[in-house]
Amino acid sequence: MDDCTLRTATAADLAHLTRIYAHAVLHGTATFELTPPDEAEMATRFAALMRQGYPYLVAEDHSERVLGYAYAGPFRNRPAFRWSVEDSIYLAPEATGQGVGRMLLSQLLKLCEAKGFRQMIAVIGDSENTPSIRLHERAGFRTIGIFQSSGFKFGRWIDTVFMQLDLGKGSKTLPDEAEFPGTMPE
């Protein structure tokens, strides 16, 4: 999408983020949440990630309408995982298939690498979610496993697909603790 711009998300975007995520919860399997969180809960989640220094982006069109968002967060809360992040990307229904997800993921990868993270993990709801799987494959992710029938939503069992991408030096060198990119998750 040529007229799409990316920027850091702000608290002023929360109504848009909440709306986009609610649609994903109610109509898709990218998330295993069953009830959409309200704006207050989304604000709590947003503030926690921002406080810890994780990148959080929005894509908007020329009229400043939010088309989607992406962020990185802790893969897991144990200290040994501190060099790994998990990505999340959600698009407004009208923005799918237009390259917005690709733009968001590309910029998210750059920001995470610049912060010194070494691995990005994609946890994709539903092995039938081929647009998300292809998006990650095109960015260089490889499938590292599938948890079969690990979720139950919309009256059916849903797989969880795990994909992974080395960032920067990846596992080729040992990390320097002085370079740690952020604070530990709460």
Protein backbone atom coordinates (compact mmCIF):
# COMPACT_ATOMS: atom_id res chain seq x y z
CA MET A 1 0.00 0.00 0.00
CA ASP A 2 1.75 3.12 -1.23
CA ASP A 3 -0.12 5.65 0.86
CA CYS A 4 0.47 3.83 4.15
CA THR A 5 2.82 5.26 6.77
CA LEU A 6 4.21 3.66 9.91
CA ARG A 7 4.77 5.35 13.22
CA THR A 8 5.16 4.54 16.90
CA ALA A 9 1.82 3.84 18.54
CA THR A 10 0.57 6.22 21.21
CA ALA A 11 -2.15 6.06 23.84
CA ALA A 12 -4.30 8.11 21.46
CA ASP A 13 -4.46 5.04 19.19
CA LEU A 14 -6.02 2.76 21.81
CA ALA A 15 -9.60 3.01 20.54
CA HIS A 16 -8.41 1.92 17.07
CA LEU A 17 -6.22 -0.87 18.45
CA THR A 18 -9.08 -2.12 20.59
CA ARG A 19 -11.46 -2.14 17.61
CA ILE A 20 -9.02 -3.99 15.35
CA TYR A 21 -8.19 -6.55 18.02
CA ALA A 22 -11.86 -7.08 18.91
CA HIS A 23 -12.54 -8.01 15.29
CA ALA A 24 -9.66 -10.51 15.38
CA VAL A 25 -10.97 -12.06 18.60
CA LEU A 26 -14.56 -12.32 17.39
CA HIS A 27 -13.95 -13.39 13.79
CA GLY A 28 -10.53 -15.03 13.57
CA THR A 29 -8.22 -17.58 15.04
CA ALA A 30 -5.02 -15.50 15.09
CA THR A 31 -5.66 -15.03 18.80
CA PHE A 32 -7.04 -17.61 21.16
CA GLU A 33 -8.82 -15.02 23.28
CA LEU A 34 -12.57 -15.60 23.26
CA THR A 35 -13.78 -12.29 24.65
CA PRO A 36 -12.33 -9.04 23.34
CA PRO A 37 -10.60 -6.99 26.03
CA ASP A 38 -12.00 -3.52 26.59
CA GLU A 39 -10.02 -0.35 25.99
CA ALA A 40 -8.89 -0.16 29.63
CA GLU A 41 -7.34 -3.63 29.40
CA MET A 42 -5.73 -2.79 26.07
CA ALA A 43 -4.31 0.35 27.69
CA THR A 44 -2.81 -1.75 30.49
CA ARG A 45 -1.20 -4.13 27.99
CA PHE A 46 0.05 -1.25 25.83
CA ALA A 47 1.53 0.63 28.80
CA ALA A 48 3.37 -2.48 30.05
CA LEU A 49 5.07 -3.03 26.68
CA MET A 50 5.93 0.64 26.24
CA ARG A 51 7.33 0.88 29.79
CA GLN A 52 9.62 -2.05 29.04
CA GLY A 53 10.86 -0.45 25.82
CA TYR A 54 9.37 -2.87 23.30
CA PRO A 55 8.52 -1.48 19.84
CA TYR A 56 4.85 -0.88 19.10
CA LEU A 57 3.83 0.39 15.66
CA VAL A 58 0.71 1.50 13.84
CA ALA A 59 0.10 1.75 10.10
CA GLU A 60 -2.18 4.49 8.91
CA ASP A 61 -3.44 5.68 5.55
CA HIS A 62 -3.22 9.22 4.13
CA SER A 63 -6.28 10.27 6.15
CA GLU A 64 -4.61 9.01 9.37
CA ARG A 65 -6.99 6.06 9.66
CA VAL A 66 -5.29 3.22 11.56
CA LEU A 67 -5.07 0.17 9.28
CA GLY A 68 -3.21 -2.14 11.60
CA TYR A 69 -0.63 -2.47 14.32
CA ALA A 70 2.30 -4.62 15.32
CA TYR A 71 4.38 -4.97 18.43
CA ALA A 72 7.06 -7.10 19.97
CA GLY A 73 6.85 -8.34 23.50
CA PRO A 74 8.55 -10.86 25.72
CA PHE A 75 8.45 -14.39 24.34
CA ARG A 76 8.31 -15.77 27.88
CA ASN A 77 8.84 -14.14 31.28
CA ARG A 78 11.79 -16.25 32.47
CA PRO A 79 15.15 -14.40 32.44
CA ALA A 80 16.78 -16.89 30.05
CA PHE A 81 14.33 -15.75 27.34
CA ARG A 82 15.28 -12.05 27.65
CA TRP A 83 17.01 -12.00 24.24
CA SER A 84 13.91 -13.35 22.45
CA VAL A 85 10.75 -11.48 21.47
CA GLU A 86 7.38 -12.55 20.15
CA ASP A 87 5.73 -10.54 17.40
CA SER A 88 2.04 -9.72 17.07
CA ILE A 89 0.40 -8.19 14.01
CA TYR A 90 -3.27 -7.30 13.62
CA LEU A 91 -4.91 -5.63 10.65
CA ALA A 92 -8.25 -3.94 10.11
CA PRO A 93 -10.36 -6.15 7.81
CA GLU A 94 -10.17 -3.62 4.98
CA ALA A 95 -6.35 -3.59 5.14
CA THR A 96 -5.70 -7.31 4.60
CA GLY A 97 -3.90 -8.40 1.46
CA GLN A 98 -2.52 -4.91 0.74
CA GLY A 99 1.03 -5.22 2.07
CA VAL A 100 0.33 -3.51 5.38
CA GLY A 101 1.32 -6.58 7.41
CA ARG A 102 4.56 -6.90 5.43
CA MET A 103 5.43 -3.25 6.10
CA LEU A 104 4.69 -3.59 9.81
CA LEU A 105 6.68 -6.81 10.20
CA SER A 106 9.65 -5.44 8.24
CA GLN A 107 9.89 -2.35 10.44
CA LEU A 108 9.33 -4.38 13.61
CA LEU A 109 12.24 -6.66 12.67
CA LYS A 110 14.51 -3.66 12.14
CA LEU A 111 13.57 -2.10 15.47
CA CYS A 112 14.03 -5.34 17.41
CA GLU A 113 17.39 -6.00 15.80
CA ALA A 114 18.52 -2.43 16.55
CA LYS A 115 17.54 -2.96 20.20
CA GLY A 116 19.80 -6.02 20.35
CA PHE A 117 17.24 -8.81 20.49
CA ARG A 118 18.59 -12.06 19.03
CA GLN A 119 15.48 -14.13 18.19
CA MET A 120 11.94 -13.37 17.11
CA ILE A 121 9.28 -16.00 17.63
CA ALA A 122 5.97 -15.94 15.79
CA VAL A 123 3.17 -17.78 17.59
CA ILE A 124 0.51 -18.12 14.92
CA GLY A 125 -2.98 -19.23 15.82
CA ASP A 126 -4.29 -21.83 13.36
CA SER A 127 -2.21 -23.81 10.87
CA GLU A 128 -4.86 -22.76 8.32
CA ASN A 129 -3.84 -19.11 8.80
CA THR A 130 -1.83 -19.18 5.57
CA PRO A 131 -1.61 -15.38 5.10
CA SER A 132 0.24 -15.02 8.43
CA ILE A 133 2.40 -18.08 7.81
CA ARG A 134 3.34 -16.83 4.33
CA LEU A 135 4.03 -13.33 5.65
CA HIS A 136 6.51 -14.75 8.15
CA GLU A 137 8.05 -17.15 5.62
CA ARG A 138 8.67 -14.28 3.20
CA ALA A 139 10.43 -12.40 6.00
CA GLY A 140 12.75 -15.37 6.54
CA PHE A 141 11.05 -17.16 9.43
CA ARG A 142 11.17 -20.95 9.53
CA THR A 143 8.57 -23.23 11.07
CA ILE A 144 9.97 -24.78 14.24
CA GLY A 145 6.92 -26.67 15.40
CA ILE A 146 3.18 -27.10 15.43
CA PHE A 147 1.21 -27.72 18.60
CA GLN A 148 -1.65 -29.71 17.17
CA SER A 149 -5.16 -29.08 18.45
CA SER A 150 -3.84 -26.84 21.23
CA GLY A 151 -6.76 -24.41 21.21
CA PHE A 152 -10.52 -24.73 20.90
CA LYS A 153 -12.45 -21.88 19.31
CA PHE A 154 -15.49 -21.56 17.06
CA GLY A 155 -16.43 -25.18 17.75
CA ARG A 156 -13.19 -26.68 16.45
CA TRP A 157 -9.69 -27.60 17.52
CA ILE A 158 -7.00 -25.19 16.34
CA ASP A 159 -3.26 -25.72 15.96
CA THR A 160 -0.58 -23.28 17.07
CA VAL A 161 2.28 -22.74 14.62
CA PHE A 162 5.66 -21.64 15.97
CA MET A 163 8.07 -19.88 13.62
CA GLN A 164 11.45 -18.36 14.39
CA LEU A 165 13.92 -15.88 12.89
CA ASP A 166 17.45 -15.00 14.00
CA LEU A 167 17.92 -11.28 14.57
CA GLY A 168 21.29 -9.64 14.18
CA LYS A 169 24.00 -12.01 15.37
CA GLY A 170 21.35 -14.55 16.41
CA SER A 171 23.01 -17.41 18.27
CA LYS A 172 26.36 -17.05 16.45
CA THR A 173 27.86 -15.14 19.39
CA LEU A 174 27.21 -14.96 23.10
CA PRO A 175 25.29 -11.92 24.25
CA ASP A 176 26.93 -9.25 26.33
CA GLU A 177 24.76 -8.57 29.37
CA ALA A 178 25.64 -4.89 29.07
CA GLU A 179 23.86 -4.89 25.69
CA PHE A 180 20.58 -6.25 27.05
CA PRO A 181 17.87 -4.47 25.03
CA GLY A 182 15.20 -3.83 27.63
CA THR A 183 13.87 -4.42 31.10
CA MET A 184 12.58 -7.74 32.31
CA PRO A 185 8.86 -8.36 31.89
CA GLU A 186 6.70 -7.61 34.88
